[in-house]
Amino acid sequence: MSFYEGVLRVEGSKDSPIHVLIDLSDDRLTMRAGDIEVASWSRDEIRVSALLDGFHVRAEGDEIVLNIEDDARFALDLGLRNAHPNLRRRMSALLRDEPPRGT
């Protein structure tokens, strides 16, 4: 299981960002704020873009932006291949430093 702490904001909204716990297990992206489930989508229902201001997640006609401290590992766990150059470098460094899975 992969869990990440992050901050969620709705693109174009003036509402305050909220702290969320993101679970990437079972081919789903599920977010909780405390005891409240904020969202839960199958990974094939969403489109994620890694931009300079965070991960833009598009689902059900809405767009949210997630800021994750461990952004490189989050991007790898999502299976992202495209990102801005700084994030790509951090992703590459993680791949170089980790032993292959299953060994």
N, C-alpha and C. Protein backbone atom coordinates (compact mmCIF):
# COMPACT_ATOMS: atom_id res chain seq x y z
N MET A 1 0.84 -1.18 0.00
CA MET A 1 0.00 0.00 0.00
C MET A 1 0.88 1.24 0.00
N SER A 2 0.42 2.24 -0.73
CA SER A 2 1.15 3.50 -0.81
C SER A 2 0.27 4.62 -0.29
N PHE A 3 0.73 5.27 0.76
CA PHE A 3 0.01 6.39 1.35
C PHE A 3 0.86 7.64 1.27
N TYR A 4 0.23 8.75 0.99
CA TYR A 4 0.92 10.04 0.88
C TYR A 4 0.10 11.10 1.57
N GLU A 5 0.80 12.02 2.22
CA GLU A 5 0.13 13.19 2.78
C GLU A 5 0.26 14.32 1.77
N GLY A 6 -0.81 15.08 1.65
CA GLY A 6 -0.78 16.16 0.68
C GLY A 6 -1.78 17.25 1.03
N VAL A 7 -1.78 18.25 0.18
CA VAL A 7 -2.72 19.36 0.29
C VAL A 7 -3.50 19.41 -1.01
N LEU A 8 -4.82 19.49 -0.88
CA LEU A 8 -5.71 19.49 -2.03
C LEU A 8 -6.36 20.85 -2.17
N ARG A 9 -6.40 21.34 -3.40
CA ARG A 9 -7.18 22.53 -3.69
C ARG A 9 -7.93 22.30 -4.99
N VAL A 10 -9.08 22.93 -5.11
CA VAL A 10 -9.88 22.81 -6.32
C VAL A 10 -9.43 23.91 -7.27
N GLU A 11 -9.09 23.51 -8.49
CA GLU A 11 -8.64 24.45 -9.50
C GLU A 11 -9.70 25.52 -9.73
N GLY A 12 -9.30 26.78 -9.66
CA GLY A 12 -10.22 27.89 -9.90
C GLY A 12 -11.06 28.29 -8.71
N SER A 13 -10.90 27.62 -7.57
CA SER A 13 -11.70 27.93 -6.38
C SER A 13 -10.90 28.81 -5.43
N LYS A 14 -11.61 29.64 -4.69
CA LYS A 14 -10.97 30.47 -3.68
C LYS A 14 -11.04 29.82 -2.30
N ASP A 15 -11.60 28.60 -2.22
CA ASP A 15 -11.68 27.89 -0.95
C ASP A 15 -10.28 27.57 -0.45
N SER A 16 -10.14 27.46 0.85
CA SER A 16 -8.86 27.11 1.45
C SER A 16 -8.49 25.67 1.09
N PRO A 17 -7.21 25.41 0.87
CA PRO A 17 -6.77 24.03 0.63
C PRO A 17 -7.00 23.18 1.87
N ILE A 18 -7.15 21.87 1.66
CA ILE A 18 -7.34 20.96 2.80
C ILE A 18 -6.25 19.90 2.79
N HIS A 19 -5.88 19.47 3.97
CA HIS A 19 -4.89 18.40 4.11
C HIS A 19 -5.60 17.06 3.91
N VAL A 20 -4.96 16.21 3.10
CA VAL A 20 -5.56 14.92 2.79
C VAL A 20 -4.52 13.81 2.92
N LEU A 21 -5.02 12.61 3.16
CA LEU A 21 -4.21 11.40 3.11
C LEU A 21 -4.64 10.68 1.85
N ILE A 22 -3.67 10.38 0.99
CA ILE A 22 -3.95 9.77 -0.31
C ILE A 22 -3.50 8.33 -0.28
N ASP A 23 -4.40 7.45 -0.68
CA ASP A 23 -4.15 6.01 -0.73
C ASP A 23 -4.16 5.60 -2.20
N LEU A 24 -3.05 5.00 -2.66
CA LEU A 24 -2.95 4.55 -4.04
C LEU A 24 -3.03 3.04 -4.17
N SER A 25 -3.69 2.37 -3.25
CA SER A 25 -3.76 0.91 -3.32
C SER A 25 -4.98 0.47 -4.14
N ASP A 26 -4.96 -0.79 -4.54
CA ASP A 26 -6.08 -1.41 -5.24
C ASP A 26 -6.47 -0.69 -6.53
N ASP A 27 -5.49 -0.16 -7.26
CA ASP A 27 -5.76 0.55 -8.53
C ASP A 27 -6.76 1.69 -8.38
N ARG A 28 -6.75 2.31 -7.19
CA ARG A 28 -7.63 3.44 -6.93
C ARG A 28 -6.80 4.59 -6.36
N LEU A 29 -7.33 5.78 -6.51
CA LEU A 29 -6.79 6.95 -5.83
C LEU A 29 -7.91 7.40 -4.89
N THR A 30 -7.66 7.25 -3.60
CA THR A 30 -8.65 7.60 -2.59
C THR A 30 -8.05 8.66 -1.68
N MET A 31 -8.82 9.70 -1.39
CA MET A 31 -8.36 10.78 -0.52
C MET A 31 -9.30 10.92 0.66
N ARG A 32 -8.69 11.09 1.83
CA ARG A 32 -9.45 11.29 3.06
C ARG A 32 -8.93 12.53 3.76
N ALA A 33 -9.84 13.29 4.32
CA ALA A 33 -9.52 14.42 5.19
C ALA A 33 -10.07 14.04 6.56
N GLY A 34 -9.19 13.59 7.43
CA GLY A 34 -9.65 13.08 8.72
C GLY A 34 -10.46 11.81 8.49
N ASP A 35 -11.68 11.77 9.01
CA ASP A 35 -12.55 10.60 8.85
C ASP A 35 -13.43 10.68 7.61
N ILE A 36 -13.30 11.75 6.83
CA ILE A 36 -14.18 11.97 5.68
C ILE A 36 -13.47 11.58 4.39
N GLU A 37 -14.12 10.71 3.61
CA GLU A 37 -13.58 10.37 2.29
C GLU A 37 -13.94 11.50 1.34
N VAL A 38 -12.92 12.16 0.81
CA VAL A 38 -13.11 13.30 -0.07
C VAL A 38 -13.37 12.83 -1.50
N ALA A 39 -12.65 11.81 -1.94
CA ALA A 39 -12.80 11.29 -3.30
C ALA A 39 -12.23 9.88 -3.37
N SER A 40 -12.77 9.11 -4.30
CA SER A 40 -12.24 7.79 -4.58
C SER A 40 -12.53 7.46 -6.03
N TRP A 41 -11.48 7.31 -6.81
CA TRP A 41 -11.63 7.03 -8.23
C TRP A 41 -10.75 5.85 -8.62
N SER A 42 -11.23 5.09 -9.56
CA SER A 42 -10.38 4.10 -10.21
C SER A 42 -9.33 4.88 -10.99
N ARG A 43 -8.11 4.36 -11.05
CA ARG A 43 -7.06 5.09 -11.75
C ARG A 43 -7.36 5.28 -13.23
N ASP A 44 -8.17 4.40 -13.82
CA ASP A 44 -8.49 4.59 -15.23
C ASP A 44 -9.59 5.63 -15.45
N GLU A 45 -10.15 6.18 -14.37
CA GLU A 45 -11.16 7.24 -14.45
C GLU A 45 -10.56 8.63 -14.37
N ILE A 46 -9.27 8.72 -14.11
CA ILE A 46 -8.64 10.02 -13.88
C ILE A 46 -7.51 10.27 -14.88
N ARG A 47 -7.20 11.53 -15.06
CA ARG A 47 -6.02 11.95 -15.82
C ARG A 47 -5.20 12.82 -14.89
N VAL A 48 -3.91 12.49 -14.79
CA VAL A 48 -3.02 13.22 -13.88
C VAL A 48 -1.89 13.84 -14.69
N SER A 49 -1.66 15.11 -14.45
CA SER A 49 -0.54 15.83 -15.07
C SER A 49 0.32 16.40 -13.96
N ALA A 50 1.62 16.16 -14.04
CA ALA A 50 2.56 16.71 -13.06
C ALA A 50 3.06 18.05 -13.57
N LEU A 51 2.54 19.13 -13.02
CA LEU A 51 2.92 20.47 -13.42
C LEU A 51 3.70 21.14 -12.30
N LEU A 52 4.23 22.31 -12.57
CA LEU A 52 5.06 23.00 -11.57
C LEU A 52 4.31 23.30 -10.28
N ASP A 53 3.00 23.55 -10.37
CA ASP A 53 2.25 23.91 -9.15
C ASP A 53 1.60 22.70 -8.47
N GLY A 54 1.88 21.48 -8.94
CA GLY A 54 1.35 20.29 -8.30
C GLY A 54 0.82 19.29 -9.31
N PHE A 55 0.20 18.26 -8.80
CA PHE A 55 -0.39 17.22 -9.64
C PHE A 55 -1.83 17.62 -9.94
N HIS A 56 -2.12 17.86 -11.19
CA HIS A 56 -3.47 18.22 -11.62
C HIS A 56 -4.21 16.92 -11.93
N VAL A 57 -5.28 16.68 -11.18
CA VAL A 57 -6.07 15.46 -11.32
C VAL A 57 -7.42 15.86 -11.90
N ARG A 58 -7.73 15.30 -13.06
CA ARG A 58 -9.01 15.57 -13.70
C ARG A 58 -9.88 14.31 -13.63
N ALA A 59 -11.09 14.51 -13.10
CA ALA A 59 -12.05 13.41 -12.98
C ALA A 59 -13.45 13.99 -12.90
N GLU A 60 -14.37 13.32 -13.55
CA GLU A 60 -15.79 13.69 -13.47
C GLU A 60 -16.02 15.17 -13.80
N GLY A 61 -15.24 15.72 -14.73
CA GLY A 61 -15.42 17.10 -15.14
C GLY A 61 -14.81 18.14 -14.22
N ASP A 62 -14.18 17.72 -13.15
CA ASP A 62 -13.55 18.65 -12.21
C ASP A 62 -12.05 18.49 -12.27
N GLU A 63 -11.36 19.51 -11.77
CA GLU A 63 -9.91 19.44 -11.68
C GLU A 63 -9.48 19.87 -10.29
N ILE A 64 -8.66 19.03 -9.68
CA ILE A 64 -8.08 19.36 -8.38
C ILE A 64 -6.57 19.40 -8.54
N VAL A 65 -5.92 20.07 -7.61
CA VAL A 65 -4.47 20.14 -7.61
C VAL A 65 -3.98 19.59 -6.27
N LEU A 66 -3.08 18.62 -6.35
CA LEU A 66 -2.49 18.02 -5.15
C LEU A 66 -1.04 18.43 -5.04
N ASN A 67 -0.66 18.89 -3.87
CA ASN A 67 0.75 19.15 -3.57
C ASN A 67 1.19 18.08 -2.59
N ILE A 68 2.18 17.30 -3.00
CA ILE A 68 2.66 16.16 -2.24
C ILE A 68 4.14 16.39 -1.94
N GLU A 69 4.52 16.21 -0.67
CA GLU A 69 5.93 16.41 -0.33
C GLU A 69 6.82 15.38 -1.02
N ASP A 70 6.44 14.13 -1.00
CA ASP A 70 7.22 13.07 -1.66
C ASP A 70 6.72 12.90 -3.09
N ASP A 71 6.84 14.00 -3.86
CA ASP A 71 6.24 14.04 -5.19
C ASP A 71 6.85 13.05 -6.17
N ALA A 72 8.14 12.79 -6.09
CA ALA A 72 8.78 11.86 -7.03
C ALA A 72 8.27 10.44 -6.83
N ARG A 73 8.18 10.00 -5.60
CA ARG A 73 7.68 8.65 -5.32
C ARG A 73 6.20 8.55 -5.70
N PHE A 74 5.43 9.59 -5.42
CA PHE A 74 4.02 9.63 -5.80
C PHE A 74 3.88 9.49 -7.31
N ALA A 75 4.68 10.24 -8.07
CA ALA A 75 4.63 10.17 -9.54
C ALA A 75 4.97 8.77 -10.02
N LEU A 76 5.98 8.16 -9.44
CA LEU A 76 6.35 6.80 -9.83
C LEU A 76 5.25 5.80 -9.50
N ASP A 77 4.66 5.93 -8.31
CA ASP A 77 3.58 5.01 -7.92
C ASP A 77 2.35 5.17 -8.82
N LEU A 78 2.14 6.38 -9.34
CA LEU A 78 1.04 6.59 -10.28
C LEU A 78 1.37 6.07 -11.67
N GLY A 79 2.66 5.83 -11.92
CA GLY A 79 3.08 5.36 -13.24
C GLY A 79 3.24 6.48 -14.24
N LEU A 80 3.45 7.71 -13.74
CA LEU A 80 3.62 8.84 -14.65
C LEU A 80 4.96 8.73 -15.39
N ARG A 81 4.95 9.12 -16.64
CA ARG A 81 6.16 9.12 -17.45
C ARG A 81 6.57 10.53 -17.83
N ASN A 82 5.64 11.46 -17.79
CA ASN A 82 5.92 12.85 -18.16
C ASN A 82 5.77 13.74 -16.94
N ALA A 83 6.72 14.65 -16.78
CA ALA A 83 6.69 15.60 -15.68
C ALA A 83 7.63 16.74 -16.04
N HIS A 84 7.60 17.80 -15.25
CA HIS A 84 8.52 18.90 -15.48
C HIS A 84 9.94 18.43 -15.13
N PRO A 85 10.98 19.08 -15.68
CA PRO A 85 12.37 18.58 -15.54
C PRO A 85 12.83 18.33 -14.11
N ASN A 86 12.49 19.21 -13.16
CA ASN A 86 12.95 19.00 -11.78
C ASN A 86 12.36 17.72 -11.19
N LEU A 87 11.10 17.47 -11.44
CA LEU A 87 10.46 16.26 -10.93
C LEU A 87 11.02 15.02 -11.63
N ARG A 88 11.25 15.11 -12.93
CA ARG A 88 11.83 13.96 -13.65
C ARG A 88 13.19 13.59 -13.08
N ARG A 89 13.99 14.58 -12.71
CA ARG A 89 15.30 14.30 -12.11
C ARG A 89 15.15 13.56 -10.78
N ARG A 90 14.22 14.00 -9.95
CA ARG A 90 14.00 13.33 -8.66
C ARG A 90 13.46 11.92 -8.86
N MET A 91 12.60 11.73 -9.87
CA MET A 91 12.08 10.40 -10.17
C MET A 91 13.22 9.48 -10.62
N SER A 92 14.09 10.00 -11.48
CA SER A 92 15.24 9.21 -11.96
C SER A 92 16.16 8.83 -10.82
N ALA A 93 16.39 9.76 -9.90
CA ALA A 93 17.26 9.48 -8.76
C ALA A 93 16.67 8.35 -7.91
N LEU A 94 15.36 8.36 -7.70
CA LEU A 94 14.73 7.28 -6.94
C LEU A 94 14.89 5.94 -7.65
N LEU A 95 14.71 5.94 -8.95
CA LEU A 95 14.84 4.70 -9.71
C LEU A 95 16.27 4.16 -9.66
N ARG A 96 17.25 5.03 -9.68
CA ARG A 96 18.65 4.60 -9.59
C ARG A 96 19.00 4.05 -8.22
N ASP A 97 18.39 4.62 -7.18
CA ASP A 97 18.74 4.26 -5.80
C ASP A 97 17.99 3.05 -5.27
N GLU A 98 16.89 2.66 -5.92
CA GLU A 98 16.08 1.54 -5.42
C GLU A 98 16.47 0.25 -6.12
N PRO A 99 16.55 -0.84 -5.36
CA PRO A 99 16.78 -2.14 -6.01
C PRO A 99 15.54 -2.53 -6.79
N PRO A 100 15.70 -3.36 -7.83
CA PRO A 100 14.52 -3.80 -8.59
C PRO A 100 13.52 -4.51 -7.69
N ARG A 101 12.24 -4.31 -7.96
CA ARG A 101 11.19 -4.96 -7.15
C ARG A 101 11.21 -6.45 -7.39
N GLY A 102 10.95 -7.20 -6.33
CA GLY A 102 10.88 -8.65 -6.43
C GLY A 102 12.22 -9.34 -6.20
N THR A 103 13.25 -8.57 -5.82
CA THR A 103 14.54 -9.20 -5.54
C THR A 103 14.87 -9.11 -4.08
